[in-house]
């Protein structure tokens, strides 16, 4: 008896294994990205802290500019 060569149709267990591999390959990196994004948003600096630091930097820059102007005036007098 000659049996013709034919491709088998995937059954339930094979499809489950393929689905499991697809979930692992695609799902794990997605979960890692979501975890990193949520961690950054939770651990990130507050807007109030950023604004406070920007005000402090502006104050210090104004002080430096004032001292530089005083030095320039002192140099011109000499």
C-alpha atoms as a PDB file:
ATOM      1  CA  UNK A   1       0.000   0.000   0.000  1.00  0.00           C
ATOM      2  CA  UNK A   2       1.357   3.398  -0.958  1.00  0.00           C
ATOM      3  CA  UNK A   3       0.710   6.244   1.481  1.00  0.00           C
ATOM      4  CA  UNK A   4       0.770   9.674  -0.150  1.00  0.00           C
ATOM      5  CA  UNK A   5       3.059  12.263   1.399  1.00  0.00           C
ATOM      6  CA  UNK A   6       0.971  14.939   3.034  1.00  0.00           C
ATOM      7  CA  UNK A   7       1.557  17.670   5.529  1.00  0.00           C
ATOM      8  CA  UNK A   8      -0.076  17.199   8.861  1.00  0.00           C
ATOM      9  CA  UNK A   9      -2.462  19.766  10.210  1.00  0.00           C
ATOM     10  CA  UNK A  10      -1.428  21.352  13.473  1.00  0.00           C
ATOM     11  CA  UNK A  11      -3.460  20.129  16.394  1.00  0.00           C
ATOM     12  CA  UNK A  12      -4.319  21.711  19.707  1.00  0.00           C
ATOM     13  CA  UNK A  13      -1.081  21.077  21.624  1.00  0.00           C
ATOM     14  CA  UNK A  14       1.083  22.362  18.791  1.00  0.00           C
ATOM     15  CA  UNK A  15      -0.968  25.544  18.480  1.00  0.00           C
ATOM     16  CA  UNK A  16      -0.724  26.110  22.236  1.00  0.00           C
ATOM     17  CA  UNK A  17       3.065  25.796  22.118  1.00  0.00           C
ATOM     18  CA  UNK A  18       3.264  28.257  19.219  1.00  0.00           C
ATOM     19  CA  UNK A  19       0.985  30.686  21.076  1.00  0.00           C
ATOM     20  CA  UNK A  20       3.066  30.351  24.250  1.00  0.00           C
ATOM     21  CA  UNK A  21       6.291  31.088  22.366  1.00  0.00           C
ATOM     22  CA  UNK A  22       4.693  34.121  20.684  1.00  0.00           C
ATOM     23  CA  UNK A  23       3.471  35.466  24.024  1.00  0.00           C
ATOM     24  CA  UNK A  24       6.903  35.028  25.588  1.00  0.00           C
ATOM     25  CA  UNK A  25       8.752  36.631  22.671  1.00  0.00           C
ATOM     26  CA  UNK A  26       6.384  39.572  22.297  1.00  0.00           C
ATOM     27  CA  UNK A  27       4.876  39.973  25.753  1.00  0.00           C
ATOM     28  CA  UNK A  28       7.965  40.019  27.950  1.00  0.00           C
ATOM     29  CA  UNK A  29       9.712  42.925  26.165  1.00  0.00           C
ATOM     30  CA  UNK A  30       6.432  44.844  26.178  1.00  0.00           C
ATOM     31  CA  UNK A  31       6.075  44.343  29.931  1.00  0.00           C
ATOM     32  CA  UNK A  32       9.667  45.456  30.465  1.00  0.00           C
ATOM     33  CA  UNK A  33       9.080  48.646  28.458  1.00  0.00           C
ATOM     34  CA  UNK A  34       5.877  49.393  30.346  1.00  0.00           C
ATOM     35  CA  UNK A  35       7.647  48.803  33.661  1.00  0.00           C
ATOM     36  CA  UNK A  36      10.490  51.143  32.774  1.00  0.00           C
ATOM     37  CA  UNK A  37       8.098  53.845  31.580  1.00  0.00           C
ATOM     38  CA  UNK A  38       5.940  53.648  34.693  1.00  0.00           C
ATOM     39  CA  UNK A  39       9.000  53.551  36.947  1.00  0.00           C
ATOM     40  CA  UNK A  40      10.398  56.676  35.338  1.00  0.00           C
ATOM     41  CA  UNK A  41       7.119  58.497  35.741  1.00  0.00           C
ATOM     42  CA  UNK A  42       6.809  57.489  39.396  1.00  0.00           C
ATOM     43  CA  UNK A  43      10.425  58.140  40.340  1.00  0.00           C
ATOM     44  CA  UNK A  44      10.887  61.244  38.201  1.00  0.00           C
ATOM     45  CA  UNK A  45      11.381  64.686  39.640  1.00  0.00           C
ATOM     46  CA  UNK A  46       8.315  66.695  40.582  1.00  0.00           C
ATOM     47  CA  UNK A  47       7.440  69.786  38.612  1.00  0.00           C
ATOM     48  CA  UNK A  48       7.611  71.871  41.791  1.00  0.00           C
ATOM     49  CA  UNK A  49      11.192  70.778  42.451  1.00  0.00           C
ATOM     50  CA  UNK A  50      12.172  71.618  38.895  1.00  0.00           C
ATOM     51  CA  UNK A  51      10.606  75.075  39.108  1.00  0.00           C
ATOM     52  CA  UNK A  52      12.300  75.719  42.462  1.00  0.00           C
ATOM     53  CA  UNK A  53      15.681  74.743  41.051  1.00  0.00           C
ATOM     54  CA  UNK A  54      15.138  76.938  37.994  1.00  0.00           C
ATOM     55  CA  UNK A  55      14.327  79.922  40.237  1.00  0.00           C
ATOM     56  CA  UNK A  56      17.453  79.250  42.298  1.00  0.00           C
ATOM     57  CA  UNK A  57      19.598  79.071  39.160  1.00  0.00           C
ATOM     58  CA  UNK A  58      18.126  82.371  37.968  1.00  0.00           C
ATOM     59  CA  UNK A  59      18.937  83.978  41.339  1.00  0.00           C
ATOM     60  CA  UNK A  60      22.515  82.732  41.239  1.00  0.00           C
ATOM     61  CA  UNK A  61      22.970  83.905  37.660  1.00  0.00           C
ATOM     62  CA  UNK A  62      21.694  87.351  38.663  1.00  0.00           C
ATOM     63  CA  UNK A  63      24.183  87.464  41.549  1.00  0.00           C
ATOM     64  CA  UNK A  64      27.038  86.491  39.251  1.00  0.00           C
ATOM     65  CA  UNK A  65      26.017  89.122  36.699  1.00  0.00           C
ATOM     66  CA  UNK A  66      25.860  91.760  39.450  1.00  0.00           C
ATOM     67  CA  UNK A  67      29.333  90.879  40.739  1.00  0.00           C
ATOM     68  CA  UNK A  68      30.744  90.894  37.214  1.00  0.00           C
ATOM     69  CA  UNK A  69      29.231  94.339  36.642  1.00  0.00           C
ATOM     70  CA  UNK A  70      30.794  95.605  39.881  1.00  0.00           C
ATOM     71  CA  UNK A  71      34.196  94.245  38.865  1.00  0.00           C
ATOM     72  CA  UNK A  72      33.887  95.892  35.471  1.00  0.00           C
ATOM     73  CA  UNK A  73      33.048  99.237  37.106  1.00  0.00           C
ATOM     74  CA  UNK A  74      35.971  98.850  39.530  1.00  0.00           C
ATOM     75  CA  UNK A  75      38.342  98.107  36.646  1.00  0.00           C
ATOM     76  CA  UNK A  76      37.179 101.218  34.781  1.00  0.00           C
ATOM     77  CA  UNK A  77      37.815 103.439  37.824  1.00  0.00           C
ATOM     78  CA  UNK A  78      41.400 102.259  38.109  1.00  0.00           C
END
